[in-house]
PDB file of N, CA and C in Angstrom:
ATOM      1  N   MET A   1     -20.708 -37.068 -23.247  1.00  0.00           N
ATOM      2  CA  MET A   1     -20.663 -35.722 -23.418  1.00  0.00           C
ATOM      3  C   MET A   1     -22.016 -35.164 -24.049  1.00  0.00           C
ATOM      4  N   GLU A   2     -22.701 -35.789 -24.787  1.00  0.00           N
ATOM      5  CA  GLU A   2     -23.456 -35.509 -25.650  1.00  0.00           C
ATOM      6  C   GLU A   2     -25.016 -35.375 -24.591  1.00  0.00           C
ATOM      7  N   THR A   3     -25.036 -35.941 -23.787  1.00  0.00           N
ATOM      8  CA  THR A   3     -26.216 -36.337 -22.645  1.00  0.00           C
ATOM      9  C   THR A   3     -26.035 -34.918 -21.830  1.00  0.00           C
ATOM     10  N   LEU A   4     -24.939 -34.489 -21.402  1.00  0.00           N
ATOM     11  CA  LEU A   4     -25.072 -33.274 -20.620  1.00  0.00           C
ATOM     12  C   LEU A   4     -25.134 -31.969 -21.326  1.00  0.00           C
ATOM     13  N   ALA A   5     -24.783 -31.763 -22.544  1.00  0.00           N
ATOM     14  CA  ALA A   5     -25.230 -30.893 -23.279  1.00  0.00           C
ATOM     15  C   ALA A   5     -26.349 -30.514 -23.801  1.00  0.00           C
ATOM     16  N   HIS A   6     -27.018 -31.586 -24.066  1.00  0.00           N
ATOM     17  CA  HIS A   6     -28.311 -31.620 -24.567  1.00  0.00           C
ATOM     18  C   HIS A   6     -29.465 -32.395 -23.665  1.00  0.00           C
ATOM     19  N   PHE A   7     -30.068 -31.571 -22.966  1.00  0.00           N
ATOM     20  CA  PHE A   7     -30.922 -32.149 -22.140  1.00  0.00           C
ATOM     21  C   PHE A   7     -32.399 -32.261 -22.692  1.00  0.00           C
ATOM     22  N   GLY A   8     -32.923 -33.470 -22.570  1.00  0.00           N
ATOM     23  CA  GLY A   8     -34.322 -33.508 -23.379  1.00  0.00           C
ATOM     24  C   GLY A   8     -34.205 -33.152 -24.746  1.00  0.00           C
ATOM     25  N   ASP A   9     -34.773 -31.834 -25.213  1.00  0.00           N
ATOM     26  CA  ASP A   9     -34.990 -31.726 -26.373  1.00  0.00           C
ATOM     27  C   ASP A   9     -34.068 -30.859 -27.264  1.00  0.00           C
ATOM     28  N   GLY A  10     -32.976 -30.872 -26.534  1.00  0.00           N
ATOM     29  CA  GLY A  10     -31.791 -30.083 -27.147  1.00  0.00           C
ATOM     30  C   GLY A  10     -31.387 -28.988 -26.477  1.00  0.00           C
ATOM     31  N   GLY A  11     -31.994 -28.546 -25.442  1.00  0.00           N
ATOM     32  CA  GLY A  11     -31.376 -27.443 -24.584  1.00  0.00           C
ATOM     33  C   GLY A  11     -30.365 -27.708 -23.717  1.00  0.00           C
ATOM     34  N   PRO A  12     -29.549 -26.942 -23.035  1.00  0.00           N
ATOM     35  CA  PRO A  12     -28.771 -27.026 -21.955  1.00  0.00           C
ATOM     36  C   PRO A  12     -29.575 -27.780 -20.669  1.00  0.00           C
ATOM     37  N   GLY A  13     -28.856 -28.511 -19.862  1.00  0.00           N
ATOM     38  CA  GLY A  13     -29.078 -29.246 -18.830  1.00  0.00           C
ATOM     39  C   GLY A  13     -29.360 -28.122 -17.626  1.00  0.00           C
ATOM     40  N   PRO A  14     -29.445 -28.968 -16.412  1.00  0.00           N
ATOM     41  CA  PRO A  14     -29.769 -28.100 -15.114  1.00  0.00           C
ATOM     42  C   PRO A  14     -28.401 -27.793 -14.724  1.00  0.00           C
ATOM     43  N   TRP A  15     -27.217 -28.194 -15.157  1.00  0.00           N
ATOM     44  CA  TRP A  15     -25.965 -28.172 -15.048  1.00  0.00           C
ATOM     45  C   TRP A  15     -25.533 -26.801 -15.338  1.00  0.00           C
ATOM     46  N   ILE A  16     -26.188 -26.111 -16.356  1.00  0.00           N
ATOM     47  CA  ILE A  16     -26.045 -24.569 -16.681  1.00  0.00           C
ATOM     48  C   ILE A  16     -26.012 -23.604 -15.714  1.00  0.00           C
ATOM     49  N   LEU A  17     -26.710 -24.080 -14.744  1.00  0.00           N
ATOM     50  CA  LEU A  17     -26.986 -23.236 -13.596  1.00  0.00           C
ATOM     51  C   LEU A  17     -25.885 -23.048 -12.613  1.00  0.00           C
ATOM     52  N   PHE A  18     -24.877 -23.875 -12.576  1.00  0.00           N
ATOM     53  CA  PHE A  18     -23.350 -23.960 -11.763  1.00  0.00           C
ATOM     54  C   PHE A  18     -22.496 -22.953 -12.338  1.00  0.00           C
ATOM     55  N   PHE A  19     -22.691 -22.349 -13.647  1.00  0.00           N
ATOM     56  CA  PHE A  19     -21.650 -21.646 -14.119  1.00  0.00           C
ATOM     57  C   PHE A  19     -21.660 -20.390 -13.514  1.00  0.00           C
ATOM     58  N   PRO A  20     -22.517 -19.817 -13.021  1.00  0.00           N
ATOM     59  CA  PRO A  20     -22.637 -18.529 -12.310  1.00  0.00           C
ATOM     60  C   PRO A  20     -22.007 -18.527 -10.729  1.00  0.00           C
ATOM     61  N   LEU A  21     -22.279 -19.815 -10.338  1.00  0.00           N
ATOM     62  CA  LEU A  21     -21.714 -20.090  -9.046  1.00  0.00           C
ATOM     63  C   LEU A  21     -20.025 -20.394  -8.980  1.00  0.00           C
ATOM     64  N   ILE A  22     -19.787 -20.912 -10.167  1.00  0.00           N
ATOM     65  CA  ILE A  22     -18.333 -21.048 -10.490  1.00  0.00           C
ATOM     66  C   ILE A  22     -17.611 -20.057 -10.523  1.00  0.00           C
ATOM     67  N   TRP A  23     -18.130 -19.116 -11.672  1.00  0.00           N
ATOM     68  CA  TRP A  23     -17.590 -17.828 -11.589  1.00  0.00           C
ATOM     69  C   TRP A  23     -17.486 -16.915 -10.359  1.00  0.00           C
ATOM     70  N   ALA A  24     -18.743 -16.934  -9.659  1.00  0.00           N
ATOM     71  CA  ALA A  24     -18.599 -16.371  -8.335  1.00  0.00           C
ATOM     72  C   ALA A  24     -17.412 -16.766  -7.371  1.00  0.00           C
ATOM     73  N   ALA A  25     -17.134 -18.081  -7.493  1.00  0.00           N
ATOM     74  CA  ALA A  25     -16.263 -18.484  -6.572  1.00  0.00           C
ATOM     75  C   ALA A  25     -14.830 -18.084  -7.109  1.00  0.00           C
ATOM     76  N   VAL A  26     -14.764 -18.005  -8.403  1.00  0.00           N
ATOM     77  CA  VAL A  26     -13.233 -17.456  -8.974  1.00  0.00           C
ATOM     78  C   VAL A  26     -13.145 -16.115  -8.564  1.00  0.00           C
ATOM     79  N   VAL A  27     -14.160 -15.260  -8.905  1.00  0.00           N
ATOM     80  CA  VAL A  27     -13.831 -13.774  -8.503  1.00  0.00           C
ATOM     81  C   VAL A  27     -13.665 -13.617  -7.076  1.00  0.00           C
ATOM     82  N   ILE A  28     -14.101 -14.206  -6.183  1.00  0.00           N
ATOM     83  CA  ILE A  28     -13.950 -14.192  -4.682  1.00  0.00           C
ATOM     84  C   ILE A  28     -12.732 -14.684  -4.355  1.00  0.00           C
ATOM     85  N   GLY A  29     -12.385 -15.713  -4.967  1.00  0.00           N
ATOM     86  CA  GLY A  29     -11.061 -16.464  -4.853  1.00  0.00           C
ATOM     87  C   GLY A  29      -9.793 -15.387  -5.255  1.00  0.00           C
ATOM     88  N   VAL A  30     -10.154 -14.783  -6.269  1.00  0.00           N
ATOM     89  CA  VAL A  30      -8.867 -13.922  -6.783  1.00  0.00           C
ATOM     90  C   VAL A  30      -9.099 -12.852  -5.932  1.00  0.00           C
ATOM     91  N   VAL A  31      -9.959 -12.069  -5.520  1.00  0.00           N
ATOM     92  CA  VAL A  31      -9.905 -10.923  -4.741  1.00  0.00           C
ATOM     93  C   VAL A  31      -9.340 -11.224  -3.484  1.00  0.00           C
ATOM     94  N   THR A  32      -9.772 -12.451  -2.822  1.00  0.00           N
ATOM     95  CA  THR A  32      -9.242 -12.803  -1.554  1.00  0.00           C
ATOM     96  C   THR A  32      -7.529 -12.859  -1.602  1.00  0.00           C
ATOM     97  N   VAL A  33      -7.056 -13.589  -2.684  1.00  0.00           N
ATOM     98  CA  VAL A  33      -5.821 -13.503  -2.923  1.00  0.00           C
ATOM     99  C   VAL A  33      -5.029 -12.220  -3.259  1.00  0.00           C
ATOM    100  N   LEU A  34      -5.711 -11.421  -3.734  1.00  0.00           N
ATOM    101  CA  LEU A  34      -4.951 -10.260  -3.863  1.00  0.00           C
ATOM    102  C   LEU A  34      -5.050  -9.393  -2.613  1.00  0.00           C
ATOM    103  N   ARG A  35      -6.086  -9.616  -1.822  1.00  0.00           N
ATOM    104  CA  ARG A  35      -6.213  -8.678  -0.659  1.00  0.00           C
ATOM    105  C   ARG A  35      -5.129  -9.144   0.293  1.00  0.00           C
ATOM    106  N   ARG A  36      -4.676 -10.342   0.317  1.00  0.00           N
ATOM    107  CA  ARG A  36      -3.681 -11.170   1.108  1.00  0.00           C
ATOM    108  C   ARG A  36      -2.441 -10.761   0.706  1.00  0.00           C
ATOM    109  N   THR A  37      -2.257 -10.484  -0.387  1.00  0.00           N
ATOM    110  CA  THR A  37      -0.688 -10.528  -0.985  1.00  0.00           C
ATOM    111  C   THR A  37      -0.393  -9.005  -1.558  1.00  0.00           C
ATOM    112  N   VAL A  38      -0.919  -8.798  -2.595  1.00  0.00           N
ATOM    113  CA  VAL A  38      -0.630  -7.366  -2.966  1.00  0.00           C
ATOM    114  C   VAL A  38      -1.073  -6.225  -2.649  1.00  0.00           C
ATOM    115  N   TRP A  39      -2.427  -6.412  -2.248  1.00  0.00           N
ATOM    116  CA  TRP A  39      -2.952  -4.949  -1.497  1.00  0.00           C
ATOM    117  C   TRP A  39      -2.785  -5.261  -0.428  1.00  0.00           C
ATOM    118  N   ARG A  40      -2.161  -5.721   0.408  1.00  0.00           N
ATOM    119  CA  ARG A  40      -2.062  -5.865   1.925  1.00  0.00           C
ATOM    120  C   ARG A  40      -1.889  -4.358   2.797  1.00  0.00           C
ATOM    121  N   ASP A  41      -0.416  -3.795   2.358  1.00  0.00           N
ATOM    122  CA  ASP A  41      -0.459  -2.605   2.887  1.00  0.00           C
ATOM    123  C   ASP A  41      -0.508  -1.420   2.286  1.00  0.00           C
ATOM    124  N   ARG A  42      -1.551  -1.503   1.026  1.00  0.00           N
ATOM    125  CA  ARG A  42      -1.729  -0.156   0.402  1.00  0.00           C
ATOM    126  C   ARG A  42      -2.693   0.356   0.929  1.00  0.00           C
ATOM    127  N   ARG A  43      -2.633   1.751   0.906  1.00  0.00           N
ATOM    128  CA  ARG A  43      -3.801   2.695   1.242  1.00  0.00           C
ATOM    129  C   ARG A  43      -4.431   3.464   0.308  1.00  0.00           C
ATOM    130  N   GLY A  44      -5.721   3.838   0.230  1.00  0.00           N
ATOM    131  CA  GLY A  44      -6.375   4.443  -0.688  1.00  0.00           C
ATOM    132  C   GLY A  44      -5.945   5.839  -0.706  1.00  0.00           C
ATOM    133  N   PRO A  45      -6.250   6.747  -1.700  1.00  0.00           N
ATOM    134  CA  PRO A  45      -5.932   8.158  -1.961  1.00  0.00           C
ATOM    135  C   PRO A  45      -6.411   8.671  -0.775  1.00  0.00           C
ATOM    136  N   TRP A  46      -7.385   8.752  -0.244  1.00  0.00           N
ATOM    137  CA  TRP A  46      -8.273   9.410   0.928  1.00  0.00           C
ATOM    138  C   TRP A  46      -7.722   9.367   2.219  1.00  0.00           C
ATOM    139  N   ARG A  47      -6.499   8.301   2.218  1.00  0.00           N
ATOM    140  CA  ARG A  47      -6.162   7.905   3.643  1.00  0.00           C
ATOM    141  C   ARG A  47      -4.452   8.810   3.703  1.00  0.00           C
ATOM    142  N   GLU A  48      -4.237   9.033   4.732  1.00  0.00           N
ATOM    143  CA  GLU A  48      -2.957   9.660   5.089  1.00  0.00           C
ATOM    144  C   GLU A  48      -1.431   8.619   4.548  1.00  0.00           C
ATOM    145  N   ARG A  49      -0.816   9.427   4.017  1.00  0.00           N
ATOM    146  CA  ARG A  49       0.476   8.493   3.938  1.00  0.00           C
ATOM    147  C   ARG A  49       1.274   7.793   5.141  1.00  0.00           C
ATOM    148  N   PRO A  50       1.450   6.852   5.022  1.00  0.00           N
ATOM    149  CA  PRO A  50       2.022   6.064   6.430  1.00  0.00           C
ATOM    150  C   PRO A  50       3.283   6.957   7.061  1.00  0.00           C
ATOM    151  N   ASP A  51       4.404   7.412   6.160  1.00  0.00           N
ATOM    152  CA  ASP A  51       5.172   8.275   6.467  1.00  0.00           C
ATOM    153  C   ASP A  51       4.989   9.743   6.967  1.00  0.00           C
ATOM    154  N   ALA A  52       3.818  10.155   6.866  1.00  0.00           N
ATOM    155  CA  ALA A  52       3.443  11.674   6.886  1.00  0.00           C
ATOM    156  C   ALA A  52       3.746  11.957   8.561  1.00  0.00           C
ATOM    157  N   GLN A  53       3.422  11.158   9.376  1.00  0.00           N
ATOM    158  CA  GLN A  53       4.007  11.195  10.980  1.00  0.00           C
ATOM    159  C   GLN A  53       5.011  10.925  11.482  1.00  0.00           C
ATOM    160  N   SER A  54       6.056  10.734  10.375  1.00  0.00           N
ATOM    161  CA  SER A  54       7.223  10.473  10.848  1.00  0.00           C
ATOM    162  C   SER A  54       8.027  11.212  11.790  1.00  0.00           C
ATOM    163  N   PRO A  55       8.997  11.003  12.565  1.00  0.00           N
ATOM    164  CA  PRO A  55       9.641  12.283  13.171  1.00  0.00           C
ATOM    165  C   PRO A  55      10.213  13.156  12.577  1.00  0.00           C
ATOM    166  N   ILE A  56      10.910  12.813  11.821  1.00  0.00           N
ATOM    167  CA  ILE A  56      11.513  13.911  10.636  1.00  0.00           C
ATOM    168  C   ILE A  56      10.438  14.875  10.181  1.00  0.00           C
ATOM    169  N   SER A  57       9.499  14.238   9.838  1.00  0.00           N
ATOM    170  CA  SER A  57       8.244  15.120   9.191  1.00  0.00           C
ATOM    171  C   SER A  57       7.560  16.094  10.330  1.00  0.00           C
ATOM    172  N   VAL A  58       7.451  15.393  11.539  1.00  0.00           N
ATOM    173  CA  VAL A  58       7.038  16.236  12.482  1.00  0.00           C
ATOM    174  C   VAL A  58       8.093  17.368  12.964  1.00  0.00           C
ATOM    175  N   LEU A  59       9.431  17.237  12.838  1.00  0.00           N
ATOM    176  CA  LEU A  59      10.402  18.131  13.074  1.00  0.00           C
ATOM    177  C   LEU A  59      10.251  19.136  12.003  1.00  0.00           C
ATOM    178  N   GLY A  60      10.205  18.641  10.800  1.00  0.00           N
ATOM    179  CA  GLY A  60      10.006  19.762   9.767  1.00  0.00           C
ATOM    180  C   GLY A  60       8.844  20.610  10.027  1.00  0.00           C
ATOM    181  N   HIS A  61       7.740  19.946  10.357  1.00  0.00           N
ATOM    182  CA  HIS A  61       6.422  21.119  10.528  1.00  0.00           C
ATOM    183  C   HIS A  61       6.861  21.861  11.976  1.00  0.00           C
ATOM    184  N   ARG A  62       7.444  21.380  13.068  1.00  0.00           N
ATOM    185  CA  ARG A  62       7.742  22.275  14.187  1.00  0.00           C
ATOM    186  C   ARG A  62       8.703  23.469  13.530  1.00  0.00           C
ATOM    187  N   PHE A  63       9.610  23.443  12.605  1.00  0.00           N
ATOM    188  CA  PHE A  63      10.602  24.282  12.338  1.00  0.00           C
ATOM    189  C   PHE A  63       9.800  25.178  11.564  1.00  0.00           C
ATOM    190  N   ALA A  64       8.842  24.838  10.647  1.00  0.00           N
ATOM    191  CA  ALA A  64       8.174  25.690   9.512  1.00  0.00           C
ATOM    192  C   ALA A  64       7.286  26.666  10.276  1.00  0.00           C
ATOM    193  N   SER A  65       6.610  25.954  11.432  1.00  0.00           N
ATOM    194  CA  SER A  65       5.686  26.768  12.334  1.00  0.00           C
ATOM    195  C   SER A  65       6.619  27.668  13.176  1.00  0.00           C
ATOM    196  N   GLY A  66       7.768  27.730  13.442  1.00  0.00           N
ATOM    197  CA  GLY A  66       8.280  28.612  14.197  1.00  0.00           C
ATOM    198  C   GLY A  66       8.653  27.997  15.890  1.00  0.00           C
ATOM    199  N   GLU A  67       8.463  26.900  16.087  1.00  0.00           N
ATOM    200  CA  GLU A  67       8.085  26.563  17.304  1.00  0.00           C
ATOM    201  C   GLU A  67       9.730  26.167  17.860  1.00  0.00           C
ATOM    202  N   ILE A  68      10.660  25.730  16.812  1.00  0.00           N
ATOM    203  CA  ILE A  68      11.921  25.635  17.112  1.00  0.00           C
ATOM    204  C   ILE A  68      12.985  26.622  16.228  1.00  0.00           C
ATOM    205  N   ASP A  69      14.142  26.844  16.594  1.00  0.00           N
ATOM    206  CA  ASP A  69      14.892  27.661  15.753  1.00  0.00           C
ATOM    207  C   ASP A  69      15.689  26.866  14.901  1.00  0.00           C
ATOM    208  N   GLU A  70      16.562  27.334  13.992  1.00  0.00           N
ATOM    209  CA  GLU A  70      17.391  26.789  13.013  1.00  0.00           C
ATOM    210  C   GLU A  70      18.510  25.748  13.429  1.00  0.00           C
ATOM    211  N   ASP A  71      19.023  26.214  14.675  1.00  0.00           N
ATOM    212  CA  ASP A  71      20.226  25.268  15.185  1.00  0.00           C
ATOM    213  C   ASP A  71      19.464  24.008  15.877  1.00  0.00           C
ATOM    214  N   GLU A  72      18.597  24.267  16.453  1.00  0.00           N
ATOM    215  CA  GLU A  72      17.811  23.286  17.158  1.00  0.00           C
ATOM    216  C   GLU A  72      17.212  22.218  16.108  1.00  0.00           C
ATOM    217  N   TYR A  73      17.001  22.472  14.918  1.00  0.00           N
ATOM    218  CA  TYR A  73      16.479  21.972  13.841  1.00  0.00           C
ATOM    219  C   TYR A  73      17.449  21.186  13.520  1.00  0.00           C
ATOM    220  N   TRP A  74      18.746  21.882  13.048  1.00  0.00           N
ATOM    221  CA  TRP A  74      19.558  20.763  12.504  1.00  0.00           C
ATOM    222  C   TRP A  74      20.334  19.827  13.520  1.00  0.00           C
ATOM    223  N   ARG A  75      20.417  20.082  14.733  1.00  0.00           N
ATOM    224  CA  ARG A  75      20.907  19.320  15.747  1.00  0.00           C
ATOM    225  C   ARG A  75      19.979  18.218  15.843  1.00  0.00           C
ATOM    226  N   ARG A  76      18.346  18.325  16.216  1.00  0.00           N
ATOM    227  CA  ARG A  76      17.571  17.380  16.128  1.00  0.00           C
ATOM    228  C   ARG A  76      17.507  16.495  14.851  1.00  0.00           C
ATOM    229  N   LEU A  77      17.580  16.997  13.674  1.00  0.00           N
ATOM    230  CA  LEU A  77      17.689  16.320  12.525  1.00  0.00           C
ATOM    231  C   LEU A  77      18.721  15.365  12.363  1.00  0.00           C
ATOM    232  N   THR A  78      20.034  15.965  12.912  1.00  0.00           N
ATOM    233  CA  THR A  78      21.294  14.766  12.650  1.00  0.00           C
ATOM    234  C   THR A  78      21.095  13.738  13.480  1.00  0.00           C
ATOM    235  N   VAL A  79      20.295  13.793  14.660  1.00  0.00           N
ATOM    236  CA  VAL A  79      20.151  12.811  15.760  1.00  0.00           C
ATOM    237  C   VAL A  79      19.076  11.917  14.739  1.00  0.00           C
ATOM    238  N   LEU A  80      18.300  12.307  14.319  1.00  0.00           N
ATOM    239  CA  LEU A  80      16.908  11.571  13.824  1.00  0.00           C
ATOM    240  C   LEU A  80      17.409  10.687  12.668  1.00  0.00           C
ATOM    241  N   GLU A  81      18.380  11.322  11.794  1.00  0.00           N
ATOM    242  CA  GLU A  81      18.907  10.820  10.488  1.00  0.00           C
ATOM    243  C   GLU A  81      19.914   9.638  10.981  1.00  0.00           C
ATOM    244  N   GLU A  82      20.525   9.843  11.920  1.00  0.00           N
ATOM    245  CA  GLU A  82      21.553   8.607  12.457  1.00  0.00           C
ATOM    246  C   GLU A  82      20.516   7.426  12.843  1.00  0.00           C
ATOM    247  N   GLN A  83      19.410   7.907  13.706  1.00  0.00           N
ATOM    248  CA  GLN A  83      18.554   6.851  14.368  1.00  0.00           C
ATOM    249  C   GLN A  83      17.644   6.130  13.252  1.00  0.00           C
ATOM    250  N   PHE A  84      17.409   6.749  12.261  1.00  0.00           N
ATOM    251  CA  PHE A  84      16.296   6.299  11.208  1.00  0.00           C
ATOM    252  C   PHE A  84      17.296   5.925   9.970  1.00  0.00           C
ATOM    253  N   GLY A  85      18.601   6.004  10.109  1.00  0.00           N
ATOM    254  CA  GLY A  85      19.526   5.538   8.873  1.00  0.00           C
ATOM    255  C   GLY A  85      19.094   6.256   7.670  1.00  0.00           C
ATOM    256  N   ARG A  86      18.897   7.552   7.789  1.00  0.00           N
ATOM    257  CA  ARG A  86      18.741   8.182   6.671  1.00  0.00           C
ATOM    258  C   ARG A  86      20.271   8.631   5.804  1.00  0.00           C
ATOM    259  N   SER A  87      20.338   8.692   4.681  1.00  0.00           N
ATOM    260  CA  SER A  87      21.669   9.008   4.135  1.00  0.00           C
ATOM    261  C   SER A  87      21.863  10.479   4.280  1.00  0.00           C
ATOM    262  N   ASP A  88      23.133  10.831   3.609  1.00  0.00           N
ATOM    263  CA  ASP A  88      23.540  12.419   3.608  1.00  0.00           C
ATOM    264  C   ASP A  88      22.968  13.252   2.902  1.00  0.00           C
ATOM    265  N   ARG A  89      22.268  12.576   1.525  1.00  0.00           N
ATOM    266  CA  ARG A  89      21.777  13.042   0.469  1.00  0.00           C
ATOM    267  C   ARG A  89      22.976  13.804  -0.323  1.00  0.00           C
ATOM    268  N   GLY A  90      24.114  13.309  -0.604  1.00  0.00           N
ATOM    269  CA  GLY A  90      25.144  13.742  -1.253  1.00  0.00           C
ATOM    270  C   GLY A  90      26.007  14.708  -0.603  1.00  0.00           C
ATOM    271  N   ARG A  91      25.888  14.968   0.659  1.00  0.00           N
ATOM    272  CA  ARG A  91      26.739  15.771   1.505  1.00  0.00           C
ATOM    273  C   ARG A  91      28.145  15.097   1.780  1.00  0.00           C
ATOM    274  N   THR A  92      29.173  15.623   1.901  1.00  0.00           N
ATOM    275  CA  THR A  92      30.504  14.897   2.254  1.00  0.00           C
ATOM    276  C   THR A  92      30.509  15.131   3.878  1.00  0.00           C
ATOM    277  N   LYS A  93      31.595  14.716   4.449  1.00  0.00           N
ATOM    278  CA  LYS A  93      31.941  14.768   5.932  1.00  0.00           C
ATOM    279  C   LYS A  93      32.041  16.007   6.302  1.00  0.00           C
ATOM    280  N   GLY A  94      32.507  17.038   5.631  1.00  0.00           N
ATOM    281  CA  GLY A  94      32.994  18.413   6.027  1.00  0.00           C
ATOM    282  C   GLY A  94      31.731  19.320   5.928  1.00  0.00           C
ATOM    283  N   GLY A  95      30.663  18.621   5.427  1.00  0.00           N
ATOM    284  CA  GLY A  95      29.312  19.463   5.211  1.00  0.00           C
ATOM    285  C   GLY A  95      28.972  20.279   4.052  1.00  0.00           C
ATOM    286  N   ALA A  96      30.201  20.285   3.118  1.00  0.00           N
ATOM    287  CA  ALA A  96      29.929  21.194   1.705  1.00  0.00           C
ATOM    288  C   ALA A  96      29.468  19.912   0.692  1.00  0.00           C
ATOM    289  N   ALA A  97      28.648  20.386  -0.305  1.00  0.00           N
ATOM    290  CA  ALA A  97      27.768  19.428  -1.473  1.00  0.00           C
ATOM    291  C   ALA A  97      28.634  19.078  -2.366  1.00  0.00           C
TER     292      ALA A  97
END
């Protein structure tokens, strides 16, 4: 082992040049693994949220802008909640909270 650590007159041998390559491979490997597993479906803060264009969100925007009235909003919301499996958010069957 001493011949590897002390090349010629006591300095490190040419094997020392491989350390930057080894660290670069480790960093690239870690980033690749993270991108394929943990970071796969995440989006940055500059991108739109994935649920921003959901049908329920679009319906809310249409109601807020006055395109549909309240009765039509509640009727369509009920259908969308059944289709997308949203819960009643604490409402009972009779409609009272």
